[in-house]
Amino acid sequence: MKLYYSPTSPYVRKVTMMAMETGLDDQIERIVMTAVGPDTDVSKANPLGKVPALVRDDGSALYDSPVICEYLDGLHSGGKLIPASGEERISVLKLQALADGALDAGVAQIMESRRPDNEQSPGWIARQQKALSQAMDEMEVLVGLLGPDVTLAHISFCAALGWIDFRKSDWDWRDSRPALADWYASFSARPSVMATEPKDPT
């Protein structure tokens, strides 16, 4: 398998942590993308020009982190990180959607702030910050649903919080979300988390 990736993408980080937690990491060849978009090499695997994109051994491609994570979870024989059915599955997928939504809002805010000053929309930036803050508040309420066995929900929460610390380091989200902060501090000791900590390319 080949994974098109960016070392700073939180969505890629989800896939990489899933691969490590399921013992599949050594089966994946990584192809780094210094630029993404519909006119870059990643568009060969994903017409949207986004990472992550996973090319399977038969040449077919999968894209978007939830789909890739679901695929990887079906390849290993260990305990599944995405429950097969029932309320447990719904809970994991819901928590993933919440964390991914927080990421989506944060990424949209950062991308808007990088546009030329005369093209930025302060209202749009504020709207995305509100969405991000509300999602984080809900993560604080629901973090107790993350049990001792690692699931895709754990990975999604971790990827979101790690990206926020990386890209919004001046935002002290921990003071008003102590349960979430404590959970993240504990989960961050896992090898898959430490090995995938985001950093700007040198």
C-alpha atoms as a PDB file:
ATOM      1  CA  MET A   1       0.000   0.000   0.000  1.00  0.00           C
ATOM      2  CA  LYS A   2       1.079   3.561  -0.686  1.00  0.00           C
ATOM      3  CA  LEU A   3       0.014   6.526   1.416  1.00  0.00           C
ATOM      4  CA  TYR A   4       0.151  10.040   0.027  1.00  0.00           C
ATOM      5  CA  TYR A   5       0.724  12.250   3.035  1.00  0.00           C
ATOM      6  CA  SER A   6       1.806  15.551   4.509  1.00  0.00           C
ATOM      7  CA  PRO A   7       3.748  15.423   7.800  1.00  0.00           C
ATOM      8  CA  THR A   8       1.642  18.214   9.305  1.00  0.00           C
ATOM      9  CA  SER A   9      -1.817  16.962   8.320  1.00  0.00           C
ATOM     10  CA  PRO A  10      -3.929  15.887  11.320  1.00  0.00           C
ATOM     11  CA  TYR A  11      -6.029  13.719   9.009  1.00  0.00           C
ATOM     12  CA  VAL A  12      -2.913  11.880   7.896  1.00  0.00           C
ATOM     13  CA  ARG A  13      -1.941  11.545  11.537  1.00  0.00           C
ATOM     14  CA  LYS A  14      -5.204   9.708  12.221  1.00  0.00           C
ATOM     15  CA  VAL A  15      -4.379   7.181   9.505  1.00  0.00           C
ATOM     16  CA  THR A  16      -0.800   6.765  10.687  1.00  0.00           C
ATOM     17  CA  MET A  17      -1.820   6.199  14.305  1.00  0.00           C
ATOM     18  CA  MET A  18      -4.431   3.693  13.154  1.00  0.00           C
ATOM     19  CA  ALA A  19      -1.762   1.847  11.153  1.00  0.00           C
ATOM     20  CA  MET A  20       0.560   1.762  14.166  1.00  0.00           C
ATOM     21  CA  GLU A  21      -2.119   0.680  16.614  1.00  0.00           C
ATOM     22  CA  THR A  22      -3.192  -2.160  14.312  1.00  0.00           C
ATOM     23  CA  GLY A  23       0.316  -3.365  13.455  1.00  0.00           C
ATOM     24  CA  LEU A  24       0.038  -2.422   9.778  1.00  0.00           C
ATOM     25  CA  ASP A  25       2.502   0.441   9.680  1.00  0.00           C
ATOM     26  CA  ASP A  26       5.324  -1.536   8.073  1.00  0.00           C
ATOM     27  CA  GLN A  27       3.036  -2.493   5.167  1.00  0.00           C
ATOM     28  CA  ILE A  28       2.596   1.118   4.051  1.00  0.00           C
ATOM     29  CA  GLU A  29       4.961   3.013   1.764  1.00  0.00           C
ATOM     30  CA  ARG A  30       4.764   6.760   2.298  1.00  0.00           C
ATOM     31  CA  ILE A  31       4.866   9.360  -0.462  1.00  0.00           C
ATOM     32  CA  VAL A  32       5.295  12.845   0.942  1.00  0.00           C
ATOM     33  CA  MET A  33       3.425  15.722  -0.657  1.00  0.00           C
ATOM     34  CA  THR A  34       5.000  19.156  -0.259  1.00  0.00           C
ATOM     35  CA  ALA A  35       2.003  20.648  -2.050  1.00  0.00           C
ATOM     36  CA  VAL A  36      -1.573  19.452  -2.404  1.00  0.00           C
ATOM     37  CA  GLY A  37      -4.407  20.358  -4.716  1.00  0.00           C
ATOM     38  CA  PRO A  38      -6.135  19.158  -7.897  1.00  0.00           C
ATOM     39  CA  ASP A  39      -3.073  20.005  -9.981  1.00  0.00           C
ATOM     40  CA  THR A  40      -0.552  18.105  -7.847  1.00  0.00           C
ATOM     41  CA  ASP A  41       0.603  14.487  -7.833  1.00  0.00           C
ATOM     42  CA  VAL A  42      -1.829  13.457  -5.111  1.00  0.00           C
ATOM     43  CA  SER A  43      -4.696  14.041  -7.565  1.00  0.00           C
ATOM     44  CA  LYS A  44      -3.658  10.770  -9.243  1.00  0.00           C
ATOM     45  CA  ALA A  45      -4.983   9.000  -6.149  1.00  0.00           C
ATOM     46  CA  ASN A  46      -7.584  11.518  -4.995  1.00  0.00           C
ATOM     47  CA  PRO A  47      -9.379  13.736  -7.524  1.00  0.00           C
ATOM     48  CA  LEU A  48      -9.935  16.278  -4.751  1.00  0.00           C
ATOM     49  CA  GLY A  49      -6.169  16.719  -4.446  1.00  0.00           C
ATOM     50  CA  LYS A  50      -6.178  16.114  -0.700  1.00  0.00           C
ATOM     51  CA  VAL A  51      -4.228  13.933   1.713  1.00  0.00           C
ATOM     52  CA  PRO A  52      -4.452  11.320   3.023  1.00  0.00           C
ATOM     53  CA  ALA A  53      -4.959   9.115  -0.012  1.00  0.00           C
ATOM     54  CA  LEU A  54      -4.193   5.401   0.136  1.00  0.00           C
ATOM     55  CA  VAL A  55      -3.422   3.379  -2.970  1.00  0.00           C
ATOM     56  CA  ARG A  56      -4.124  -0.291  -2.363  1.00  0.00           C
ATOM     57  CA  ASP A  57      -2.063  -3.145  -3.741  1.00  0.00           C
ATOM     58  CA  ASP A  58      -4.565  -3.650  -6.576  1.00  0.00           C
ATOM     59  CA  GLY A  59      -4.054  -0.032  -7.671  1.00  0.00           C
ATOM     60  CA  SER A  60      -7.400   1.271  -6.452  1.00  0.00           C
ATOM     61  CA  ALA A  61      -7.384   4.315  -4.201  1.00  0.00           C
ATOM     62  CA  LEU A  62      -9.178   5.299  -1.009  1.00  0.00           C
ATOM     63  CA  TYR A  63      -9.433   8.808   0.319  1.00  0.00           C
ATOM     64  CA  ASP A  64     -10.599  10.677   3.380  1.00  0.00           C
ATOM     65  CA  SER A  65      -9.333   9.550   6.741  1.00  0.00           C
ATOM     66  CA  PRO A  66     -12.549   7.868   8.023  1.00  0.00           C
ATOM     67  CA  VAL A  67     -12.665   5.599   4.950  1.00  0.00           C
ATOM     68  CA  ILE A  68      -8.975   4.738   5.104  1.00  0.00           C
ATOM     69  CA  CYS A  69      -9.141   4.039   8.842  1.00  0.00           C
ATOM     70  CA  GLU A  70     -12.148   1.769   8.334  1.00  0.00           C
ATOM     71  CA  TYR A  71     -10.281  -0.101   5.606  1.00  0.00           C
ATOM     72  CA  LEU A  72      -7.165  -0.555   7.734  1.00  0.00           C
ATOM     73  CA  ASP A  73      -9.227  -1.803  10.656  1.00  0.00           C
ATOM     74  CA  GLY A  74     -10.526  -4.592   8.437  1.00  0.00           C
ATOM     75  CA  LEU A  75      -7.055  -5.823   7.522  1.00  0.00           C
ATOM     76  CA  HIS A  76      -5.761  -6.977  10.895  1.00  0.00           C
ATOM     77  CA  SER A  77      -6.743  -9.858  13.135  1.00  0.00           C
ATOM     78  CA  GLY A  78      -6.503  -8.069  16.477  1.00  0.00           C
ATOM     79  CA  GLY A  79      -9.128  -6.206  18.439  1.00  0.00           C
ATOM     80  CA  LYS A  80     -11.026  -3.814  16.217  1.00  0.00           C
ATOM     81  CA  LEU A  81     -10.711  -0.074  16.752  1.00  0.00           C
ATOM     82  CA  ILE A  82     -14.105   0.469  15.119  1.00  0.00           C
ATOM     83  CA  PRO A  83     -16.882  -1.696  16.587  1.00  0.00           C
ATOM     84  CA  ALA A  84     -18.746  -3.734  13.999  1.00  0.00           C
ATOM     85  CA  SER A  85     -22.282  -2.718  14.933  1.00  0.00           C
ATOM     86  CA  GLY A  86     -24.664  -1.394  17.530  1.00  0.00           C
ATOM     87  CA  GLU A  87     -24.434   1.555  19.872  1.00  0.00           C
ATOM     88  CA  GLU A  88     -20.711   1.082  20.404  1.00  0.00           C
ATOM     89  CA  ARG A  89     -20.079   1.642  16.701  1.00  0.00           C
ATOM     90  CA  ILE A  90     -22.389   4.659  16.613  1.00  0.00           C
ATOM     91  CA  SER A  91     -20.597   6.167  19.608  1.00  0.00           C
ATOM     92  CA  VAL A  92     -17.139   5.770  18.068  1.00  0.00           C
ATOM     93  CA  LEU A  93     -18.258   7.226  14.741  1.00  0.00           C
ATOM     94  CA  LYS A  94     -20.028  10.114  16.473  1.00  0.00           C
ATOM     95  CA  LEU A  95     -16.942  11.001  18.499  1.00  0.00           C
ATOM     96  CA  GLN A  96     -14.800  10.769  15.367  1.00  0.00           C
ATOM     97  CA  ALA A  97     -17.178  13.146  13.585  1.00  0.00           C
ATOM     98  CA  LEU A  98     -17.019  15.592  16.496  1.00  0.00           C
ATOM     99  CA  ALA A  99     -13.213  15.636  16.549  1.00  0.00           C
ATOM    100  CA  ASP A 100     -13.010  15.838  12.748  1.00  0.00           C
ATOM    101  CA  GLY A 101     -15.493  18.707  12.807  1.00  0.00           C
ATOM    102  CA  ALA A 102     -13.327  20.570  15.305  1.00  0.00           C
ATOM    103  CA  LEU A 103     -10.394  20.045  12.964  1.00  0.00           C
ATOM    104  CA  ASP A 104     -12.371  21.200   9.945  1.00  0.00           C
ATOM    105  CA  ALA A 105     -13.263  24.453  11.697  1.00  0.00           C
ATOM    106  CA  GLY A 106      -9.703  25.036  12.880  1.00  0.00           C
ATOM    107  CA  VAL A 107      -8.196  24.323   9.474  1.00  0.00           C
ATOM    108  CA  ALA A 108     -10.730  26.602   7.762  1.00  0.00           C
ATOM    109  CA  GLN A 109      -9.854  29.379  10.193  1.00  0.00           C
ATOM    110  CA  ILE A 110      -6.119  29.023   9.635  1.00  0.00           C
ATOM    111  CA  MET A 111      -6.494  28.898   5.848  1.00  0.00           C
ATOM    112  CA  GLU A 112      -8.598  32.061   5.871  1.00  0.00           C
ATOM    113  CA  SER A 113      -6.057  33.852   8.038  1.00  0.00           C
ATOM    114  CA  ARG A 114      -3.337  33.062   5.482  1.00  0.00           C
ATOM    115  CA  ARG A 115      -5.101  34.878   2.660  1.00  0.00           C
ATOM    116  CA  PRO A 116      -4.032  38.447   1.829  1.00  0.00           C
ATOM    117  CA  ASP A 117      -5.326  40.874   4.451  1.00  0.00           C
ATOM    118  CA  ASN A 118      -7.700  42.579   2.022  1.00  0.00           C
ATOM    119  CA  GLU A 119      -9.281  39.226   1.087  1.00  0.00           C
ATOM    120  CA  GLN A 120      -9.841  37.878   4.591  1.00  0.00           C
ATOM    121  CA  SER A 121     -13.251  37.735   6.233  1.00  0.00           C
ATOM    122  CA  PRO A 122     -13.035  38.477   9.973  1.00  0.00           C
ATOM    123  CA  GLY A 123     -16.607  37.256  10.316  1.00  0.00           C
ATOM    124  CA  TRP A 124     -15.714  33.895   8.765  1.00  0.00           C
ATOM    125  CA  ILE A 125     -12.696  33.535  11.035  1.00  0.00           C
ATOM    126  CA  ALA A 126     -14.833  34.303  14.098  1.00  0.00           C
ATOM    127  CA  ARG A 127     -17.493  31.850  12.958  1.00  0.00           C
ATOM    128  CA  GLN A 128     -14.949  29.047  12.633  1.00  0.00           C
ATOM    129  CA  GLN A 129     -13.482  29.863  16.045  1.00  0.00           C
ATOM    130  CA  LYS A 130     -16.955  29.636  17.572  1.00  0.00           C
ATOM    131  CA  ALA A 131     -17.529  26.264  15.908  1.00  0.00           C
ATOM    132  CA  LEU A 132     -14.148  25.035  17.120  1.00  0.00           C
ATOM    133  CA  SER A 133     -14.776  26.234  20.684  1.00  0.00           C
ATOM    134  CA  GLN A 134     -18.220  24.648  20.784  1.00  0.00           C
ATOM    135  CA  ALA A 135     -16.856  21.364  19.458  1.00  0.00           C
ATOM    136  CA  MET A 136     -14.126  21.414  22.107  1.00  0.00           C
ATOM    137  CA  ASP A 137     -16.732  22.086  24.805  1.00  0.00           C
ATOM    138  CA  GLU A 138     -18.658  19.035  23.623  1.00  0.00           C
ATOM    139  CA  MET A 139     -15.452  16.988  23.602  1.00  0.00           C
ATOM    140  CA  GLU A 140     -14.999  17.994  27.254  1.00  0.00           C
ATOM    141  CA  VAL A 141     -18.500  16.662  28.024  1.00  0.00           C
ATOM    142  CA  LEU A 142     -18.065  13.403  26.095  1.00  0.00           C
ATOM    143  CA  VAL A 143     -14.417  12.551  26.802  1.00  0.00           C
ATOM    144  CA  GLY A 144     -15.574  10.188  29.558  1.00  0.00           C
ATOM    145  CA  LEU A 145     -16.970   7.908  26.859  1.00  0.00           C
ATOM    146  CA  LEU A 146     -13.414   7.080  25.800  1.00  0.00           C
ATOM    147  CA  GLY A 147     -12.730   3.854  27.645  1.00  0.00           C
ATOM    148  CA  PRO A 148      -9.441   2.040  28.310  1.00  0.00           C
ATOM    149  CA  ASP A 149      -9.410   0.190  24.974  1.00  0.00           C
ATOM    150  CA  VAL A 150      -8.168   2.355  22.107  1.00  0.00           C
ATOM    151  CA  THR A 151     -10.674   3.084  19.342  1.00  0.00           C
ATOM    152  CA  LEU A 152     -10.798   5.373  16.348  1.00  0.00           C
ATOM    153  CA  ALA A 153     -12.521   7.879  18.627  1.00  0.00           C
ATOM    154  CA  HIS A 154      -9.416   8.062  20.832  1.00  0.00           C
ATOM    155  CA  ILE A 155      -7.228   8.542  17.767  1.00  0.00           C
ATOM    156  CA  SER A 156      -9.514  11.257  16.370  1.00  0.00           C
ATOM    157  CA  PHE A 157      -9.584  13.206  19.647  1.00  0.00           C
ATOM    158  CA  CYS A 158      -5.800  12.976  19.862  1.00  0.00           C
ATOM    159  CA  ALA A 159      -5.245  14.133  16.275  1.00  0.00           C
ATOM    160  CA  ALA A 160      -7.519  17.133  16.781  1.00  0.00           C
ATOM    161  CA  LEU A 161      -5.954  18.215  20.056  1.00  0.00           C
ATOM    162  CA  GLY A 162      -2.434  17.704  18.763  1.00  0.00           C
ATOM    163  CA  TRP A 163      -3.129  19.868  15.729  1.00  0.00           C
ATOM    164  CA  ILE A 164      -4.646  22.600  17.887  1.00  0.00           C
ATOM    165  CA  ASP A 165      -1.537  22.663  20.069  1.00  0.00           C
ATOM    166  CA  PHE A 166       0.611  22.727  16.923  1.00  0.00           C
ATOM    167  CA  ARG A 167      -1.193  25.398  14.910  1.00  0.00           C
ATOM    168  CA  LYS A 168      -2.949  27.401  17.628  1.00  0.00           C
ATOM    169  CA  SER A 169      -0.334  27.264  20.360  1.00  0.00           C
ATOM    170  CA  ASP A 170      -1.378  30.650  21.757  1.00  0.00           C
ATOM    171  CA  TRP A 171      -4.894  29.379  22.549  1.00  0.00           C
ATOM    172  CA  ASP A 172      -5.152  28.046  26.098  1.00  0.00           C
ATOM    173  CA  TRP A 173      -8.011  25.605  25.649  1.00  0.00           C
ATOM    174  CA  ARG A 174      -7.101  23.547  28.711  1.00  0.00           C
ATOM    175  CA  ASP A 175      -8.212  25.896  31.499  1.00  0.00           C
ATOM    176  CA  SER A 176     -11.913  25.514  30.773  1.00  0.00           C
ATOM    177  CA  ARG A 177     -11.692  21.861  29.711  1.00  0.00           C
ATOM    178  CA  PRO A 178      -9.840  20.044  32.510  1.00  0.00           C
ATOM    179  CA  ALA A 179     -11.189  16.548  31.801  1.00  0.00           C
ATOM    180  CA  LEU A 180     -10.174  16.781  28.161  1.00  0.00           C
ATOM    181  CA  ALA A 181      -6.758  18.152  29.114  1.00  0.00           C
ATOM    182  CA  ASP A 182      -6.149  15.317  31.595  1.00  0.00           C
ATOM    183  CA  TRP A 183      -7.209  12.679  29.080  1.00  0.00           C
ATOM    184  CA  TYR A 184      -4.959  14.126  26.395  1.00  0.00           C
ATOM    185  CA  ALA A 185      -1.963  14.291  28.724  1.00  0.00           C
ATOM    186  CA  SER A 186      -2.412  10.614  29.585  1.00  0.00           C
ATOM    187  CA  PHE A 187      -3.084   9.398  26.042  1.00  0.00           C
ATOM    188  CA  SER A 188      -0.121  11.341  24.683  1.00  0.00           C
ATOM    189  CA  ALA A 189       2.237   8.866  26.351  1.00  0.00           C
ATOM    190  CA  ARG A 190       1.315   6.170  23.807  1.00  0.00           C
ATOM    191  CA  PRO A 191       4.085   5.291  21.327  1.00  0.00           C
ATOM    192  CA  SER A 192       1.817   5.925  18.326  1.00  0.00           C
ATOM    193  CA  VAL A 193       1.133   9.438  19.573  1.00  0.00           C
ATOM    194  CA  MET A 194       4.744  10.313  20.296  1.00  0.00           C
ATOM    195  CA  ALA A 195       5.908   8.904  16.943  1.00  0.00           C
ATOM    196  CA  THR A 196       3.416  11.013  14.977  1.00  0.00           C
ATOM    197  CA  GLU A 197       3.726  14.353  16.752  1.00  0.00           C
ATOM    198  CA  PRO A 198       3.286  17.060  14.102  1.00  0.00           C
ATOM    199  CA  LYS A 199       6.246  19.203  13.185  1.00  0.00           C
ATOM    200  CA  ASP A 200       7.075  21.529  10.348  1.00  0.00           C
ATOM    201  CA  PRO A 201       9.447  20.018   7.767  1.00  0.00           C
ATOM    202  CA  THR A 202      13.045  21.147   8.231  1.00  0.00           C
END
